[in-house]
All heavy atoms as atom14 arrays in JSON, in Angstrom:
{
  "sequence": "GMHAIRHQYSKKQIKELAIALDKSKVDAIEISHGD",
  "atom14_mask": [
    [1, 1, 1, 1, 0, 0, 0, 0, 0, 0, 0, 0, 0, 0],
    [1, 1, 1, 1, 1, 1, 1, 1, 0, 0, 0, 0, 0, 0],
    [1, 1, 1, 1, 1, 1, 1, 1, 1, 1, 0, 0, 0, 0],
    [1, 1, 1, 1, 1, 0, 0, 0, 0, 0, 0, 0, 0, 0],
    [1, 1, 1, 1, 1, 1, 1, 1, 0, 0, 0, 0, 0, 0],
    [1, 1, 1, 1, 1, 1, 1, 1, 1, 1, 1, 0, 0, 0],
    [1, 1, 1, 1, 1, 1, 1, 1, 1, 1, 0, 0, 0, 0],
    [1, 1, 1, 1, 1, 1, 1, 1, 1, 0, 0, 0, 0, 0],
    [1, 1, 1, 1, 1, 1, 1, 1, 1, 1, 1, 1, 0, 0],
    [1, 1, 1, 1, 1, 1, 0, 0, 0, 0, 0, 0, 0, 0],
    [1, 1, 1, 1, 1, 1, 1, 1, 1, 0, 0, 0, 0, 0],
    [1, 1, 1, 1, 1, 1, 1, 1, 1, 0, 0, 0, 0, 0],
    [1, 1, 1, 1, 1, 1, 1, 1, 1, 0, 0, 0, 0, 0],
    [1, 1, 1, 1, 1, 1, 1, 1, 0, 0, 0, 0, 0, 0],
    [1, 1, 1, 1, 1, 1, 1, 1, 1, 0, 0, 0, 0, 0],
    [1, 1, 1, 1, 1, 1, 1, 1, 1, 0, 0, 0, 0, 0],
    [1, 1, 1, 1, 1, 1, 1, 1, 0, 0, 0, 0, 0, 0],
    [1, 1, 1, 1, 1, 0, 0, 0, 0, 0, 0, 0, 0, 0],
    [1, 1, 1, 1, 1, 1, 1, 1, 0, 0, 0, 0, 0, 0],
    [1, 1, 1, 1, 1, 0, 0, 0, 0, 0, 0, 0, 0, 0],
    [1, 1, 1, 1, 1, 1, 1, 1, 0, 0, 0, 0, 0, 0],
    [1, 1, 1, 1, 1, 1, 1, 1, 0, 0, 0, 0, 0, 0],
    [1, 1, 1, 1, 1, 1, 1, 1, 1, 0, 0, 0, 0, 0],
    [1, 1, 1, 1, 1, 1, 0, 0, 0, 0, 0, 0, 0, 0],
    [1, 1, 1, 1, 1, 1, 1, 1, 1, 0, 0, 0, 0, 0],
    [1, 1, 1, 1, 1, 1, 1, 0, 0, 0, 0, 0, 0, 0],
    [1, 1, 1, 1, 1, 1, 1, 1, 0, 0, 0, 0, 0, 0],
    [1, 1, 1, 1, 1, 0, 0, 0, 0, 0, 0, 0, 0, 0],
    [1, 1, 1, 1, 1, 1, 1, 1, 0, 0, 0, 0, 0, 0],
    [1, 1, 1, 1, 1, 1, 1, 1, 1, 0, 0, 0, 0, 0],
    [1, 1, 1, 1, 1, 1, 1, 1, 0, 0, 0, 0, 0, 0],
    [1, 1, 1, 1, 1, 1, 0, 0, 0, 0, 0, 0, 0, 0],
    [1, 1, 1, 1, 1, 1, 1, 1, 1, 1, 0, 0, 0, 0],
    [1, 1, 1, 1, 0, 0, 0, 0, 0, 0, 0, 0, 0, 0],
    [1, 1, 1, 1, 1, 1, 1, 1, 0, 0, 0, 0, 0, 0]
  ],
  "atom14_positions": [
    [[-5.12, -4.82, -2.72], [-5.44, -4.99, -1.3], [-6.49, -4.02, -0.81], [-7.12, -4.24, 0.23], [0.0, 0.0, 0.0], [0.0, 0.0, 0.0], [0.0, 0.0, 0.0], [0.0, 0.0, 0.0], [0.0, 0.0, 0.0], [0.0, 0.0, 0.0], [0.0, 0.0, 0.0], [0.0, 0.0, 0.0], [0.0, 0.0, 0.0], [0.0, 0.0, 0.0]],
    [[-6.69, -2.94, -1.54], [-7.72, -1.95, -1.18], [-9.1, -2.6, -1.09], [-9.93, -2.23, -0.25], [-7.77, -0.84, -2.22], [-6.62, 0.14, -2.2], [-6.94, 1.47, -1.03], [-5.53, 2.53, -1.37], [0.0, 0.0, 0.0], [0.0, 0.0, 0.0], [0.0, 0.0, 0.0], [0.0, 0.0, 0.0], [0.0, 0.0, 0.0], [0.0, 0.0, 0.0]],
    [[-9.36, -3.58, -1.97], [-10.69, -4.19, -2.01], [-11.07, -4.83, -0.67], [-12.25, -4.82, -0.29], [-10.75, -5.26, -3.11], [-10.7, -4.71, -4.5], [-11.72, -3.96, -5.05], [-9.74, -4.8, -5.46], [-11.41, -3.63, -6.29], [-10.21, -4.12, -6.56], [0.0, 0.0, 0.0], [0.0, 0.0, 0.0], [0.0, 0.0, 0.0], [0.0, 0.0, 0.0]],
    [[-10.09, -5.4, 0.0], [-10.38, -6.14, 1.23], [-10.85, -5.24, 2.36], [-11.5, -5.7, 3.3], [-9.14, -6.92, 1.66], [0.0, 0.0, 0.0], [0.0, 0.0, 0.0], [0.0, 0.0, 0.0], [0.0, 0.0, 0.0], [0.0, 0.0, 0.0], [0.0, 0.0, 0.0], [0.0, 0.0, 0.0], [0.0, 0.0, 0.0], [0.0, 0.0, 0.0]],
    [[-10.5, -3.95, 2.28], [-10.92, -3.01, 3.34], [-11.71, -1.84, 2.75], [-11.71, -0.74, 3.27], [-9.72, -2.5, 4.16], [-8.64, -1.88, 3.25], [-9.12, -3.62, 5.0], [-7.55, -1.16, 4.02], [0.0, 0.0, 0.0], [0.0, 0.0, 0.0], [0.0, 0.0, 0.0], [0.0, 0.0, 0.0], [0.0, 0.0, 0.0], [0.0, 0.0, 0.0]],
    [[-12.37, -2.13, 1.64], [-13.24, -1.14, 0.99], [-12.5, 0.17, 0.71], [-13.03, 1.26, 0.87], [-14.51, -0.89, 1.81], [-15.33, -2.16, 2.03], [-16.59, -1.88, 2.85], [-17.28, -3.11, 3.2], [-18.17, -3.74, 2.42], [-18.47, -3.21, 1.26], [-18.73, -4.86, 2.82], [0.0, 0.0, 0.0], [0.0, 0.0, 0.0], [0.0, 0.0, 0.0]],
    [[-11.25, 0.06, 0.3], [-10.44, 1.19, -0.15], [-10.23, 2.23, 0.97], [-10.19, 3.42, 0.71], [-11.07, 1.87, -1.37], [-11.67, 0.9, -2.35], [-10.9, 0.12, -3.18], [-12.95, 0.54, -2.6], [-11.69, -0.66, -3.91], [-12.93, -0.43, -3.57], [0.0, 0.0, 0.0], [0.0, 0.0, 0.0], [0.0, 0.0, 0.0], [0.0, 0.0, 0.0]],
    [[-10.05, 1.73, 2.19], [-10.0, 2.65, 3.34], [-8.62, 2.76, 4.0], [-8.51, 3.12, 5.16], [-11.03, 2.22, 4.39], [-12.47, 2.29, 3.9], [-12.87, 3.68, 3.43], [-12.79, 4.65, 4.21], [-13.29, 3.8, 2.18], [0.0, 0.0, 0.0], [0.0, 0.0, 0.0], [0.0, 0.0, 0.0], [0.0, 0.0, 0.0], [0.0, 0.0, 0.0]],
    [[-7.56, 2.47, 3.28], [-6.23, 2.74, 3.82], [-6.1, 4.24, 4.13], [-6.51, 5.09, 3.33], [-5.14, 2.41, 2.81], [-4.75, 0.96, 2.67], [-4.86, 0.32, 1.43], [-4.22, 0.24, 3.73], [-4.47, -1.0, 1.27], [-3.83, -1.08, 3.57], [-3.96, -1.7, 2.34], [-3.56, -3.0, 2.18], [0.0, 0.0, 0.0], [0.0, 0.0, 0.0]],
    [[-5.49, 4.55, 5.26], [-5.18, 5.94, 5.55], [-3.89, 6.33, 4.83], [-3.11, 5.46, 4.41], [-5.01, 6.15, 7.05], [-3.81, 5.53, 7.51], [0.0, 0.0, 0.0], [0.0, 0.0, 0.0], [0.0, 0.0, 0.0], [0.0, 0.0, 0.0], [0.0, 0.0, 0.0], [0.0, 0.0, 0.0], [0.0, 0.0, 0.0], [0.0, 0.0, 0.0]],
    [[-3.64, 7.63, 4.71], [-2.4, 8.09, 4.09], [-1.19, 7.61, 4.89], [-0.16, 7.22, 4.31], [-2.41, 9.61, 3.98], [-3.39, 10.15, 2.96], [-3.3, 11.66, 2.8], [-3.87, 12.39, 4.0], [-3.88, 13.86, 3.8], [0.0, 0.0, 0.0], [0.0, 0.0, 0.0], [0.0, 0.0, 0.0], [0.0, 0.0, 0.0], [0.0, 0.0, 0.0]],
    [[-1.32, 7.61, 6.2], [-0.22, 7.17, 7.05], [0.07, 5.69, 6.84], [1.23, 5.28, 6.74], [-0.57, 7.43, 8.52], [0.53, 7.02, 9.5], [0.12, 7.3, 10.94], [1.21, 6.85, 11.92], [0.8, 7.05, 13.33], [0.0, 0.0, 0.0], [0.0, 0.0, 0.0], [0.0, 0.0, 0.0], [0.0, 0.0, 0.0], [0.0, 0.0, 0.0]],
    [[-0.98, 4.88, 6.76], [-0.8, 3.44, 6.54], [-0.11, 3.18, 5.2], [0.8, 2.35, 5.1], [-2.15, 2.73, 6.59], [-2.72, 2.59, 7.99], [-4.16, 2.1, 7.97], [-4.92, 2.36, 7.03], [-4.54, 1.39, 9.02], [0.0, 0.0, 0.0], [0.0, 0.0, 0.0], [0.0, 0.0, 0.0], [0.0, 0.0, 0.0], [0.0, 0.0, 0.0]],
    [[-0.56, 3.88, 4.15], [0.04, 3.7, 2.83], [1.53, 4.03, 2.88], [2.37, 3.26, 2.37], [-0.67, 4.59, 1.79], [-2.08, 4.07, 1.49], [0.16, 4.7, 0.51], [-2.13, 2.86, 0.59], [0.0, 0.0, 0.0], [0.0, 0.0, 0.0], [0.0, 0.0, 0.0], [0.0, 0.0, 0.0], [0.0, 0.0, 0.0], [0.0, 0.0, 0.0]],
    [[1.86, 5.14, 3.48], [3.27, 5.56, 3.52], [4.12, 4.58, 4.31], [5.2, 4.17, 3.86], [3.37, 6.96, 4.11], [4.77, 7.57, 3.99], [4.73, 9.04, 4.36], [6.08, 9.7, 4.08], [6.05, 11.15, 4.4], [0.0, 0.0, 0.0], [0.0, 0.0, 0.0], [0.0, 0.0, 0.0], [0.0, 0.0, 0.0], [0.0, 0.0, 0.0]],
    [[3.64, 4.19, 5.49], [4.41, 3.28, 6.34], [4.58, 1.92, 5.67], [5.67, 1.33, 5.71], [3.73, 3.13, 7.69], [3.83, 4.37, 8.57], [3.12, 4.21, 9.91], [2.39, 3.2, 10.08], [3.3, 5.09, 10.78], [0.0, 0.0, 0.0], [0.0, 0.0, 0.0], [0.0, 0.0, 0.0], [0.0, 0.0, 0.0], [0.0, 0.0, 0.0]],
    [[3.53, 1.42, 5.04], [3.62, 0.12, 4.39], [4.51, 0.17, 3.15], [5.27, -0.76, 2.87], [2.23, -0.39, 4.02], [1.38, -0.88, 5.2], [-0.08, -1.03, 4.8], [1.93, -2.19, 5.75], [0.0, 0.0, 0.0], [0.0, 0.0, 0.0], [0.0, 0.0, 0.0], [0.0, 0.0, 0.0], [0.0, 0.0, 0.0], [0.0, 0.0, 0.0]],
    [[4.43, 1.27, 2.4], [5.29, 1.41, 1.22], [6.76, 1.43, 1.62], [7.6, 0.77, 0.97], [4.92, 2.68, 0.45], [0.0, 0.0, 0.0], [0.0, 0.0, 0.0], [0.0, 0.0, 0.0], [0.0, 0.0, 0.0], [0.0, 0.0, 0.0], [0.0, 0.0, 0.0], [0.0, 0.0, 0.0], [0.0, 0.0, 0.0], [0.0, 0.0, 0.0]],
    [[7.08, 2.16, 2.67], [8.46, 2.21, 3.15], [8.92, 0.83, 3.6], [10.04, 0.38, 3.3], [8.61, 3.25, 4.28], [8.43, 4.67, 3.73], [9.96, 3.11, 4.99], [8.32, 5.74, 4.8], [0.0, 0.0, 0.0], [0.0, 0.0, 0.0], [0.0, 0.0, 0.0], [0.0, 0.0, 0.0], [0.0, 0.0, 0.0], [0.0, 0.0, 0.0]],
    [[8.06, 0.12, 4.33], [8.41, -1.22, 4.82], [8.59, -2.21, 3.67], [9.51, -3.04, 3.67], [7.34, -1.72, 5.78], [0.0, 0.0, 0.0], [0.0, 0.0, 0.0], [0.0, 0.0, 0.0], [0.0, 0.0, 0.0], [0.0, 0.0, 0.0], [0.0, 0.0, 0.0], [0.0, 0.0, 0.0], [0.0, 0.0, 0.0], [0.0, 0.0, 0.0]],
    [[7.71, -2.13, 2.66], [7.85, -3.01, 1.5], [9.13, -2.71, 0.73], [9.81, -3.63, 0.25], [6.63, -2.85, 0.58], [5.35, -3.54, 1.05], [4.13, -2.97, 0.34], [5.45, -5.05, 0.8], [0.0, 0.0, 0.0], [0.0, 0.0, 0.0], [0.0, 0.0, 0.0], [0.0, 0.0, 0.0], [0.0, 0.0, 0.0], [0.0, 0.0, 0.0]],
    [[9.46, -1.43, 0.63], [10.7, -1.05, -0.03], [11.92, -1.64, 0.69], [12.84, -2.15, 0.07], [10.79, 0.47, -0.09], [12.01, 0.96, -0.85], [12.12, 0.66, -2.05], [12.88, 1.64, -0.24], [0.0, 0.0, 0.0], [0.0, 0.0, 0.0], [0.0, 0.0, 0.0], [0.0, 0.0, 0.0], [0.0, 0.0, 0.0], [0.0, 0.0, 0.0]],
    [[11.89, -1.57, 2.01], [12.99, -2.15, 2.8], [13.04, -3.67, 2.66], [14.11, -4.27, 2.8], [12.83, -1.76, 4.27], [13.11, -0.29, 4.55], [12.91, 0.05, 6.02], [13.23, 1.52, 6.29], [12.96, 1.88, 7.72], [0.0, 0.0, 0.0], [0.0, 0.0, 0.0], [0.0, 0.0, 0.0], [0.0, 0.0, 0.0], [0.0, 0.0, 0.0]],
    [[11.89, -4.26, 2.37], [11.83, -5.71, 2.16], [12.27, -6.11, 0.75], [12.3, -7.29, 0.41], [10.41, -6.23, 2.4], [9.99, -5.92, 3.71], [0.0, 0.0, 0.0], [0.0, 0.0, 0.0], [0.0, 0.0, 0.0], [0.0, 0.0, 0.0], [0.0, 0.0, 0.0], [0.0, 0.0, 0.0], [0.0, 0.0, 0.0], [0.0, 0.0, 0.0]],
    [[12.58, -5.11, -0.06], [13.16, -5.29, -1.39], [12.23, -5.96, -2.41], [12.68, -6.75, -3.25], [14.46, -6.08, -1.3], [15.6, -5.32, -0.58], [16.05, -4.11, -1.38], [17.4, -3.57, -0.87], [17.36, -3.05, 0.5], [0.0, 0.0, 0.0], [0.0, 0.0, 0.0], [0.0, 0.0, 0.0], [0.0, 0.0, 0.0], [0.0, 0.0, 0.0]],
    [[10.92, -5.63, -2.34], [10.1, -5.97, -3.5], [10.52, -5.03, -4.62], [11.07, -3.95, -4.38], [8.6, -5.86, -3.21], [8.17, -6.83, -2.13], [8.2, -4.43, -2.84], [0.0, 0.0, 0.0], [0.0, 0.0, 0.0], [0.0, 0.0, 0.0], [0.0, 0.0, 0.0], [0.0, 0.0, 0.0], [0.0, 0.0, 0.0], [0.0, 0.0, 0.0]],
    [[10.28, -5.41, -5.86], [10.79, -4.63, -6.99], [9.86, -3.51, -7.42], [10.31, -2.53, -8.03], [11.07, -5.56, -8.16], [12.13, -6.59, -7.82], [13.25, -6.19, -7.46], [11.81, -7.8, -7.86], [0.0, 0.0, 0.0], [0.0, 0.0, 0.0], [0.0, 0.0, 0.0], [0.0, 0.0, 0.0], [0.0, 0.0, 0.0], [0.0, 0.0, 0.0]],
    [[8.58, -3.64, -7.14], [7.62, -2.61, -7.5], [6.49, -2.59, -6.48], [6.11, -3.64, -5.95], [7.06, -2.85, -8.9], [0.0, 0.0, 0.0], [0.0, 0.0, 0.0], [0.0, 0.0, 0.0], [0.0, 0.0, 0.0], [0.0, 0.0, 0.0], [0.0, 0.0, 0.0], [0.0, 0.0, 0.0], [0.0, 0.0, 0.0], [0.0, 0.0, 0.0]],
    [[5.96, -1.4, -6.22], [4.87, -1.23, -5.27], [3.76, -0.47, -5.99], [3.95, 0.67, -6.44], [5.33, -0.44, -4.03], [6.44, -1.2, -3.3], [4.14, -0.18, -3.09], [7.12, -0.38, -2.2], [0.0, 0.0, 0.0], [0.0, 0.0, 0.0], [0.0, 0.0, 0.0], [0.0, 0.0, 0.0], [0.0, 0.0, 0.0], [0.0, 0.0, 0.0]],
    [[2.61, -1.11, -6.12], [1.48, -0.51, -6.85], [0.53, 0.16, -5.87], [0.08, -0.45, -4.9], [0.75, -1.61, -7.63], [-0.31, -1.08, -8.58], [-0.83, -2.19, -9.47], [-1.52, -3.1, -8.97], [-0.55, -2.14, -10.69], [0.0, 0.0, 0.0], [0.0, 0.0, 0.0], [0.0, 0.0, 0.0], [0.0, 0.0, 0.0], [0.0, 0.0, 0.0]],
    [[0.22, 1.43, -6.15], [-0.67, 2.2, -5.27], [-1.74, 2.89, -6.1], [-1.45, 3.6, -7.05], [0.12, 3.26, -4.46], [1.18, 2.59, -3.57], [-0.83, 4.11, -3.63], [2.05, 3.58, -2.8], [0.0, 0.0, 0.0], [0.0, 0.0, 0.0], [0.0, 0.0, 0.0], [0.0, 0.0, 0.0], [0.0, 0.0, 0.0], [0.0, 0.0, 0.0]],
    [[-2.98, 2.66, -5.72], [-4.13, 3.39, -6.26], [-5.37, 2.82, -5.6], [-5.3, 1.84, -4.85], [-4.25, 3.25, -7.79], [-4.76, 1.99, -8.15], [0.0, 0.0, 0.0], [0.0, 0.0, 0.0], [0.0, 0.0, 0.0], [0.0, 0.0, 0.0], [0.0, 0.0, 0.0], [0.0, 0.0, 0.0], [0.0, 0.0, 0.0], [0.0, 0.0, 0.0]],
    [[-6.52, 3.41, -5.89], [-7.8, 2.79, -5.57], [-7.78, 1.38, -6.14], [-7.12, 1.1, -7.14], [-8.93, 3.61, -6.2], [-10.31, 3.14, -5.88], [-10.9, 2.08, -6.54], [-11.24, 3.59, -4.98], [-12.12, 1.9, -6.07], [-12.36, 2.79, -5.12], [0.0, 0.0, 0.0], [0.0, 0.0, 0.0], [0.0, 0.0, 0.0], [0.0, 0.0, 0.0]],
    [[-8.51, 0.46, -5.53], [-8.52, -0.91, -6.01], [-8.88, -1.07, -7.47], [-8.42, -1.99, -8.15], [0.0, 0.0, 0.0], [0.0, 0.0, 0.0], [0.0, 0.0, 0.0], [0.0, 0.0, 0.0], [0.0, 0.0, 0.0], [0.0, 0.0, 0.0], [0.0, 0.0, 0.0], [0.0, 0.0, 0.0], [0.0, 0.0, 0.0], [0.0, 0.0, 0.0]],
    [[-9.7, -0.15, -7.98], [-10.11, -0.19, -9.38], [-9.29, 0.77, -10.23], [-9.72, 1.18, -11.31], [-11.6, 0.11, -9.5], [-12.44, -1.0, -8.87], [-12.56, -2.06, -9.49], [-12.93, -0.81, -7.74], [0.0, 0.0, 0.0], [0.0, 0.0, 0.0], [0.0, 0.0, 0.0], [0.0, 0.0, 0.0], [0.0, 0.0, 0.0], [0.0, 0.0, 0.0]]
  ]
}
């Protein structure tokens, strides 16, 4: 998803979205630069 916004997620956005995805019970959350 980084590619769609030119890798410009803020640290706050990453943390909040990771927590929300975890609560939504996906099994794995991948985080890094798009490449």
